[in-house]
Amino acid sequence: MFWLLGGFILLVIILIVRKTAIGKLKKSKSIIYNNKTNTFIYKQKPIIFEKELHSLFVFLINNQNQFILLDKINELFTSGDIQESYITINKRRDTAVNKLIFTLKTVLNKEKSEIIIERKNAKDKRVKEIKLGISVQVIE
């Protein structure tokens, strides 16, 4: 009787450990952002971005649960010393967003609409908002 009870308890423990291990493997299919080292990892391989793309992706990760006005992203691309026109900053932003989408598209093998979700602002239909469509795990 004790052997049967011990075997049953051992079987339950093995099933619990196996289920948690499978859960961890499923979570590793997303990009992991290490906040301390400021690095990205996907499938145990580091992802290296250019400086502007890196800062843009970190900004989107920090705000991944909400839609962001494109004008707020412009602040990442302004140079403090040089006075640049609004059009120049917009072009730089659009180029960086497109490069980031292309990079993530090739790494994750997903469509553009899955990576970045776009919508019009509810109050002003001329303004576009974006949100990160993929989930990124943040490690402290």
N, C-alpha and C. Protein backbone atom coordinates (compact mmCIF):
# COMPACT_ATOMS: atom_id res chain seq x y z
N MET A 1 0.82 -1.19 0.00
CA MET A 1 0.00 0.00 0.00
C MET A 1 0.87 1.26 0.00
N PHE A 2 1.94 1.26 0.82
CA PHE A 2 2.84 2.42 0.87
C PHE A 2 3.59 2.59 -0.45
N TRP A 3 3.95 1.48 -1.09
CA TRP A 3 4.65 1.56 -2.37
C TRP A 3 3.73 2.16 -3.44
N LEU A 4 2.50 1.78 -3.42
CA LEU A 4 1.54 2.32 -4.38
C LEU A 4 1.32 3.81 -4.16
N LEU A 5 1.17 4.22 -2.91
CA LEU A 5 1.00 5.64 -2.59
C LEU A 5 2.26 6.44 -2.94
N GLY A 6 3.42 5.89 -2.64
CA GLY A 6 4.69 6.56 -2.97
C GLY A 6 4.88 6.68 -4.48
N GLY A 7 4.51 5.64 -5.23
CA GLY A 7 4.60 5.69 -6.69
C GLY A 7 3.67 6.73 -7.28
N PHE A 8 2.48 6.83 -6.72
CA PHE A 8 1.51 7.83 -7.19
C PHE A 8 2.01 9.25 -6.94
N ILE A 9 2.56 9.49 -5.77
CA ILE A 9 3.10 10.82 -5.44
C ILE A 9 4.28 11.15 -6.34
N LEU A 10 5.14 10.17 -6.60
CA LEU A 10 6.28 10.38 -7.50
C LEU A 10 5.81 10.70 -8.91
N LEU A 11 4.78 10.02 -9.37
CA LEU A 11 4.22 10.28 -10.70
C LEU A 11 3.65 11.69 -10.80
N VAL A 12 2.95 12.14 -9.77
CA VAL A 12 2.40 13.50 -9.75
C VAL A 12 3.52 14.53 -9.78
N ILE A 13 4.58 14.31 -9.02
CA ILE A 13 5.72 15.24 -9.00
C ILE A 13 6.38 15.30 -10.37
N ILE A 14 6.55 14.18 -11.02
CA ILE A 14 7.17 14.15 -12.36
C ILE A 14 6.30 14.91 -13.35
N LEU A 15 4.99 14.73 -13.29
CA LEU A 15 4.09 15.45 -14.20
C LEU A 15 4.13 16.96 -13.98
N ILE A 16 4.20 17.38 -12.72
CA ILE A 16 4.27 18.81 -12.42
C ILE A 16 5.57 19.41 -12.94
N VAL A 17 6.69 18.73 -12.71
CA VAL A 17 7.99 19.22 -13.19
C VAL A 17 8.01 19.28 -14.70
N ARG A 18 7.45 18.28 -15.35
CA ARG A 18 7.44 18.24 -16.81
C ARG A 18 6.59 19.38 -17.38
N LYS A 19 5.45 19.64 -16.75
CA LYS A 19 4.57 20.70 -17.22
C LYS A 19 5.23 22.07 -17.08
N THR A 20 5.93 22.32 -15.99
CA THR A 20 6.60 23.61 -15.82
C THR A 20 7.76 23.76 -16.80
N ALA A 21 8.44 22.67 -17.11
CA ALA A 21 9.54 22.73 -18.08
C ALA A 21 9.00 23.05 -19.47
N ILE A 22 7.88 22.46 -19.84
CA ILE A 22 7.27 22.74 -21.15
C ILE A 22 6.78 24.19 -21.20
N GLY A 23 6.25 24.69 -20.09
CA GLY A 23 5.81 26.09 -20.03
C GLY A 23 6.96 27.05 -20.23
N LYS A 24 8.12 26.74 -19.69
CA LYS A 24 9.30 27.60 -19.88
C LYS A 24 9.77 27.56 -21.32
N LEU A 25 9.69 26.40 -21.96
CA LEU A 25 10.08 26.30 -23.36
C LEU A 25 9.15 27.11 -24.26
N LYS A 26 7.87 27.13 -23.95
CA LYS A 26 6.93 27.91 -24.75
C LYS A 26 7.19 29.40 -24.59
N LYS A 27 7.57 29.82 -23.40
CA LYS A 27 7.85 31.23 -23.18
C LYS A 27 9.10 31.68 -23.91
N SER A 28 10.05 30.78 -24.13
CA SER A 28 11.30 31.17 -24.77
C SER A 28 11.14 31.40 -26.27
N LYS A 29 9.94 31.20 -26.83
CA LYS A 29 9.72 31.47 -28.24
C LYS A 29 9.52 32.94 -28.52
N SER A 30 9.48 33.76 -27.49
CA SER A 30 9.37 35.20 -27.68
C SER A 30 10.75 35.84 -27.46
N ILE A 31 10.86 37.08 -27.85
CA ILE A 31 12.11 37.81 -27.65
C ILE A 31 12.24 38.14 -26.17
N ILE A 32 13.43 38.01 -25.65
CA ILE A 32 13.71 38.32 -24.24
C ILE A 32 14.59 39.56 -24.21
N TYR A 33 14.17 40.54 -23.42
CA TYR A 33 14.94 41.77 -23.25
C TYR A 33 15.50 41.79 -21.84
N ASN A 34 16.82 41.82 -21.72
CA ASN A 34 17.48 41.89 -20.42
C ASN A 34 17.70 43.36 -20.11
N ASN A 35 17.01 43.84 -19.09
CA ASN A 35 17.05 45.26 -18.75
C ASN A 35 18.39 45.68 -18.17
N LYS A 36 19.06 44.77 -17.46
CA LYS A 36 20.35 45.11 -16.84
C LYS A 36 21.45 45.26 -17.89
N THR A 37 21.52 44.31 -18.82
CA THR A 37 22.57 44.35 -19.83
C THR A 37 22.15 45.08 -21.10
N ASN A 38 20.86 45.44 -21.20
CA ASN A 38 20.33 46.16 -22.35
C ASN A 38 20.54 45.37 -23.65
N THR A 39 20.24 44.06 -23.59
CA THR A 39 20.43 43.18 -24.74
C THR A 39 19.15 42.41 -25.04
N PHE A 40 19.06 41.92 -26.26
CA PHE A 40 17.93 41.12 -26.72
C PHE A 40 18.40 39.73 -27.05
N ILE A 41 17.56 38.73 -26.72
CA ILE A 41 17.87 37.33 -26.99
C ILE A 41 16.64 36.69 -27.60
N TYR A 42 16.86 35.89 -28.64
CA TYR A 42 15.79 35.11 -29.24
C TYR A 42 16.33 33.73 -29.55
N LYS A 43 15.71 32.71 -28.98
CA LYS A 43 16.14 31.32 -29.11
C LYS A 43 17.61 31.15 -28.73
N GLN A 44 17.99 31.67 -27.60
CA GLN A 44 19.33 31.62 -27.02
C GLN A 44 20.41 32.28 -27.90
N LYS A 45 20.01 33.13 -28.83
CA LYS A 45 20.95 33.86 -29.66
C LYS A 45 20.72 35.35 -29.49
N PRO A 46 21.79 36.13 -29.37
CA PRO A 46 21.61 37.57 -29.21
C PRO A 46 21.17 38.23 -30.51
N ILE A 47 20.33 39.25 -30.37
CA ILE A 47 19.92 40.08 -31.51
C ILE A 47 20.56 41.45 -31.31
N ILE A 48 21.28 41.90 -32.32
CA ILE A 48 21.97 43.19 -32.23
C ILE A 48 21.33 44.15 -33.23
N PHE A 49 20.91 45.31 -32.71
CA PHE A 49 20.31 46.35 -33.52
C PHE A 49 21.25 47.54 -33.62
N GLU A 50 21.01 48.38 -34.64
CA GLU A 50 21.71 49.66 -34.70
C GLU A 50 21.24 50.52 -33.53
N LYS A 51 21.97 51.59 -33.25
CA LYS A 51 21.68 52.42 -32.07
C LYS A 51 20.26 52.97 -32.09
N GLU A 52 19.84 53.54 -33.21
CA GLU A 52 18.50 54.13 -33.29
C GLU A 52 17.42 53.06 -33.19
N LEU A 53 17.64 51.92 -33.84
CA LEU A 53 16.65 50.84 -33.79
C LEU A 53 16.56 50.27 -32.39
N HIS A 54 17.70 50.17 -31.73
CA HIS A 54 17.74 49.65 -30.36
C HIS A 54 16.93 50.54 -29.42
N SER A 55 17.14 51.84 -29.50
CA SER A 55 16.41 52.75 -28.61
C SER A 55 14.92 52.77 -28.95
N LEU A 56 14.58 52.67 -30.23
CA LEU A 56 13.18 52.61 -30.63
C LEU A 56 12.51 51.35 -30.10
N PHE A 57 13.18 50.21 -30.23
CA PHE A 57 12.61 48.95 -29.78
C PHE A 57 12.44 48.93 -28.25
N VAL A 58 13.41 49.49 -27.54
CA VAL A 58 13.30 49.57 -26.07
C VAL A 58 12.13 50.47 -25.69
N PHE A 59 11.96 51.58 -26.40
CA PHE A 59 10.83 52.48 -26.14
C PHE A 59 9.50 51.77 -26.37
N LEU A 60 9.40 51.01 -27.46
CA LEU A 60 8.17 50.27 -27.74
C LEU A 60 7.93 49.17 -26.71
N ILE A 61 8.99 48.54 -26.24
CA ILE A 61 8.84 47.50 -25.21
C ILE A 61 8.35 48.10 -23.91
N ASN A 62 8.90 49.24 -23.54
CA ASN A 62 8.47 49.88 -22.30
C ASN A 62 7.02 50.34 -22.35
N ASN A 63 6.48 50.52 -23.55
CA ASN A 63 5.09 50.95 -23.72
C ASN A 63 4.30 49.92 -24.52
N GLN A 64 4.61 48.64 -24.35
CA GLN A 64 4.01 47.62 -25.21
C GLN A 64 2.53 47.34 -24.91
N ASN A 65 2.00 47.85 -23.83
CA ASN A 65 0.60 47.61 -23.51
C ASN A 65 -0.32 48.76 -23.92
N GLN A 66 0.23 49.76 -24.60
CA GLN A 66 -0.59 50.91 -24.98
C GLN A 66 -0.19 51.41 -26.36
N PHE A 67 -1.12 52.11 -27.01
CA PHE A 67 -0.82 52.71 -28.30
C PHE A 67 -0.05 54.01 -28.07
N ILE A 68 0.91 54.28 -28.95
CA ILE A 68 1.78 55.45 -28.82
C ILE A 68 1.60 56.32 -30.05
N LEU A 69 1.47 57.63 -29.84
CA LEU A 69 1.43 58.56 -30.96
C LEU A 69 2.79 58.58 -31.65
N LEU A 70 2.78 58.65 -32.96
CA LEU A 70 4.04 58.68 -33.69
C LEU A 70 4.86 59.93 -33.34
N ASP A 71 4.19 61.00 -32.96
CA ASP A 71 4.91 62.22 -32.59
C ASP A 71 5.74 62.03 -31.32
N LYS A 72 5.31 61.14 -30.43
CA LYS A 72 6.10 60.86 -29.23
C LYS A 72 7.40 60.13 -29.57
N ILE A 73 7.36 59.37 -30.64
CA ILE A 73 8.57 58.65 -31.07
C ILE A 73 9.57 59.63 -31.67
N ASN A 74 9.09 60.75 -32.18
CA ASN A 74 9.99 61.75 -32.77
C ASN A 74 11.04 62.23 -31.78
N GLU A 75 10.72 62.23 -30.49
CA GLU A 75 11.66 62.69 -29.47
C GLU A 75 12.93 61.84 -29.45
N LEU A 76 12.84 60.58 -29.88
CA LEU A 76 14.02 59.71 -29.92
C LEU A 76 14.97 60.11 -31.04
N PHE A 77 14.46 60.78 -32.06
CA PHE A 77 15.25 61.07 -33.25
C PHE A 77 15.65 62.53 -33.39
N THR A 78 15.39 63.34 -32.39
CA THR A 78 15.81 64.73 -32.45
C THR A 78 17.22 64.86 -31.86
N SER A 79 18.01 65.66 -32.50
CA SER A 79 19.35 65.96 -31.99
C SER A 79 19.27 67.24 -31.18
N GLY A 80 19.84 67.23 -30.01
CA GLY A 80 19.75 68.39 -29.12
C GLY A 80 20.50 69.60 -29.64
N ASP A 81 21.59 69.39 -30.36
CA ASP A 81 22.43 70.49 -30.80
C ASP A 81 21.92 71.14 -32.09
N ILE A 82 21.45 70.34 -33.00
CA ILE A 82 21.12 70.80 -34.34
C ILE A 82 19.61 71.03 -34.46
N GLN A 83 19.24 72.16 -35.06
CA GLN A 83 17.84 72.44 -35.34
C GLN A 83 17.49 71.75 -36.66
N GLU A 84 16.60 70.78 -36.59
CA GLU A 84 16.20 70.04 -37.78
C GLU A 84 14.72 70.29 -38.03
N SER A 85 14.35 70.17 -39.28
CA SER A 85 12.94 70.38 -39.62
C SER A 85 12.12 69.17 -39.21
N TYR A 86 10.84 69.42 -39.07
CA TYR A 86 9.90 68.37 -38.69
C TYR A 86 9.88 67.24 -39.72
N ILE A 87 10.01 67.60 -40.99
CA ILE A 87 10.00 66.61 -42.07
C ILE A 87 11.22 65.69 -41.98
N THR A 88 12.37 66.25 -41.67
CA THR A 88 13.59 65.45 -41.54
C THR A 88 13.46 64.45 -40.41
N ILE A 89 12.93 64.88 -39.29
CA ILE A 89 12.76 64.00 -38.13
C ILE A 89 11.73 62.91 -38.46
N ASN A 90 10.65 63.26 -39.14
CA ASN A 90 9.65 62.28 -39.53
C ASN A 90 10.22 61.22 -40.47
N LYS A 91 11.04 61.66 -41.42
CA LYS A 91 11.65 60.71 -42.35
C LYS A 91 12.60 59.77 -41.62
N ARG A 92 13.36 60.32 -40.69
CA ARG A 92 14.28 59.49 -39.91
C ARG A 92 13.50 58.48 -39.06
N ARG A 93 12.40 58.93 -38.46
CA ARG A 93 11.54 58.04 -37.67
C ARG A 93 10.93 56.95 -38.53
N ASP A 94 10.37 57.32 -39.67
CA ASP A 94 9.74 56.33 -40.55
C ASP A 94 10.76 55.31 -41.05
N THR A 95 11.96 55.76 -41.37
CA THR A 95 13.01 54.85 -41.81
C THR A 95 13.37 53.88 -40.70
N ALA A 96 13.51 54.38 -39.48
CA ALA A 96 13.86 53.51 -38.35
C ALA A 96 12.75 52.52 -38.05
N VAL A 97 11.51 52.96 -38.09
CA VAL A 97 10.38 52.05 -37.83
C VAL A 97 10.34 50.96 -38.89
N ASN A 98 10.53 51.32 -40.15
CA ASN A 98 10.52 50.33 -41.23
C ASN A 98 11.69 49.36 -41.12
N LYS A 99 12.89 49.85 -40.74
CA LYS A 99 14.03 48.96 -40.54
C LYS A 99 13.78 48.00 -39.39
N LEU A 100 13.20 48.52 -38.31
CA LEU A 100 12.89 47.67 -37.16
C LEU A 100 11.88 46.59 -37.54
N ILE A 101 10.85 46.97 -38.26
CA ILE A 101 9.85 45.99 -38.70
C ILE A 101 10.49 44.94 -39.59
N PHE A 102 11.35 45.36 -40.52
CA PHE A 102 12.01 44.41 -41.41
C PHE A 102 12.90 43.45 -40.63
N THR A 103 13.65 43.97 -39.67
CA THR A 103 14.54 43.13 -38.87
C THR A 103 13.74 42.11 -38.06
N LEU A 104 12.70 42.57 -37.39
CA LEU A 104 11.88 41.66 -36.60
C LEU A 104 11.12 40.67 -37.49
N LYS A 105 10.74 41.12 -38.67
CA LYS A 105 10.05 40.26 -39.61
C LYS A 105 10.94 39.10 -40.06
N THR A 106 12.21 39.38 -40.31
CA THR A 106 13.12 38.33 -40.73
C THR A 106 13.51 37.41 -39.58
N VAL A 107 13.66 37.96 -38.39
CA VAL A 107 14.06 37.14 -37.24
C VAL A 107 12.90 36.25 -36.78
N LEU A 108 11.71 36.83 -36.65
CA LEU A 108 10.57 36.10 -36.11
C LEU A 108 9.74 35.36 -37.16
N ASN A 109 9.96 35.67 -38.43
CA ASN A 109 9.21 35.08 -39.53
C ASN A 109 7.71 35.35 -39.37
N LYS A 110 7.39 36.62 -39.13
CA LYS A 110 5.99 37.05 -38.98
C LYS A 110 5.72 38.19 -39.95
N GLU A 111 4.45 38.47 -40.13
CA GLU A 111 4.02 39.55 -41.01
C GLU A 111 4.13 40.91 -40.31
N LYS A 112 4.16 41.96 -41.10
CA LYS A 112 4.25 43.32 -40.57
C LYS A 112 3.08 43.64 -39.64
N SER A 113 1.89 43.20 -40.02
CA SER A 113 0.70 43.49 -39.22
C SER A 113 0.73 42.78 -37.86
N GLU A 114 1.51 41.72 -37.74
CA GLU A 114 1.65 41.03 -36.46
C GLU A 114 2.68 41.69 -35.57
N ILE A 115 3.65 42.36 -36.16
CA ILE A 115 4.74 42.97 -35.40
C ILE A 115 4.33 44.33 -34.84
N ILE A 116 3.79 45.19 -35.69
CA ILE A 116 3.35 46.52 -35.29
C ILE A 116 1.87 46.67 -35.63
N ILE A 117 1.09 47.07 -34.63
CA ILE A 117 -0.33 47.32 -34.84
C ILE A 117 -0.52 48.82 -35.01
N GLU A 118 -1.15 49.21 -36.11
CA GLU A 118 -1.38 50.63 -36.39
C GLU A 118 -2.86 50.94 -36.32
N ARG A 119 -3.18 52.16 -35.89
CA ARG A 119 -4.56 52.62 -35.89
C ARG A 119 -4.57 54.15 -35.94
N LYS A 120 -5.72 54.68 -36.30
CA LYS A 120 -5.91 56.13 -36.30
C LYS A 120 -6.34 56.56 -34.90
N ASN A 121 -5.96 57.77 -34.52
CA ASN A 121 -6.34 58.31 -33.23
C ASN A 121 -7.84 58.51 -33.19
N ALA A 122 -8.44 58.23 -32.04
CA ALA A 122 -9.89 58.35 -31.91
C ALA A 122 -10.37 59.79 -32.02
N LYS A 123 -9.59 60.76 -31.52
CA LYS A 123 -10.00 62.16 -31.55
C LYS A 123 -9.65 62.85 -32.86
N ASP A 124 -8.48 62.54 -33.40
CA ASP A 124 -8.03 63.17 -34.63
C ASP A 124 -7.62 62.08 -35.61
N LYS A 125 -8.40 61.85 -36.62
CA LYS A 125 -8.18 60.74 -37.56
C LYS A 125 -6.93 60.93 -38.42
N ARG A 126 -6.34 62.11 -38.42
CA ARG A 126 -5.13 62.35 -39.20
C ARG A 126 -3.89 61.79 -38.50
N VAL A 127 -3.98 61.57 -37.21
CA VAL A 127 -2.83 61.14 -36.41
C VAL A 127 -2.84 59.62 -36.30
N LYS A 128 -1.66 59.03 -36.50
CA LYS A 128 -1.52 57.58 -36.43
C LYS A 128 -0.89 57.18 -35.10
N GLU A 129 -1.34 56.05 -34.57
CA GLU A 129 -0.79 55.49 -33.35
C GLU A 129 -0.29 54.08 -33.65
N ILE A 130 0.77 53.67 -32.96
CA ILE A 130 1.28 52.32 -33.15
C ILE A 130 1.46 51.64 -31.80
N LYS A 131 1.50 50.32 -31.87
CA LYS A 131 1.68 49.49 -30.68
C LYS A 131 2.45 48.25 -31.10
N LEU A 132 3.28 47.76 -30.22
CA LEU A 132 4.04 46.55 -30.48
C LEU A 132 3.08 45.37 -30.44
N GLY A 133 3.01 44.61 -31.52
CA GLY A 133 2.07 43.50 -31.62
C GLY A 133 2.62 42.20 -31.08
N ILE A 134 3.92 42.10 -30.95
CA ILE A 134 4.53 40.87 -30.43
C ILE A 134 4.78 41.03 -28.93
N SER A 135 4.85 39.93 -28.25
CA SER A 135 5.14 40.00 -26.83
C SER A 135 6.64 39.85 -26.60
N VAL A 136 7.16 40.68 -25.74
CA VAL A 136 8.58 40.66 -25.40
C VAL A 136 8.69 40.50 -23.90
N GLN A 137 9.43 39.49 -23.46
CA GLN A 137 9.64 39.29 -22.04
C GLN A 137 10.75 40.20 -21.56
N VAL A 138 10.52 40.88 -20.45
CA VAL A 138 11.52 41.77 -19.88
C VAL A 138 12.07 41.11 -18.63
N ILE A 139 13.39 40.96 -18.60
CA ILE A 139 14.07 40.38 -17.45
C ILE A 139 14.81 41.51 -16.73
N GLU A 140 14.62 41.58 -15.45
CA GLU A 140 15.30 42.62 -14.65
C GLU A 140 16.71 42.19 -14.33
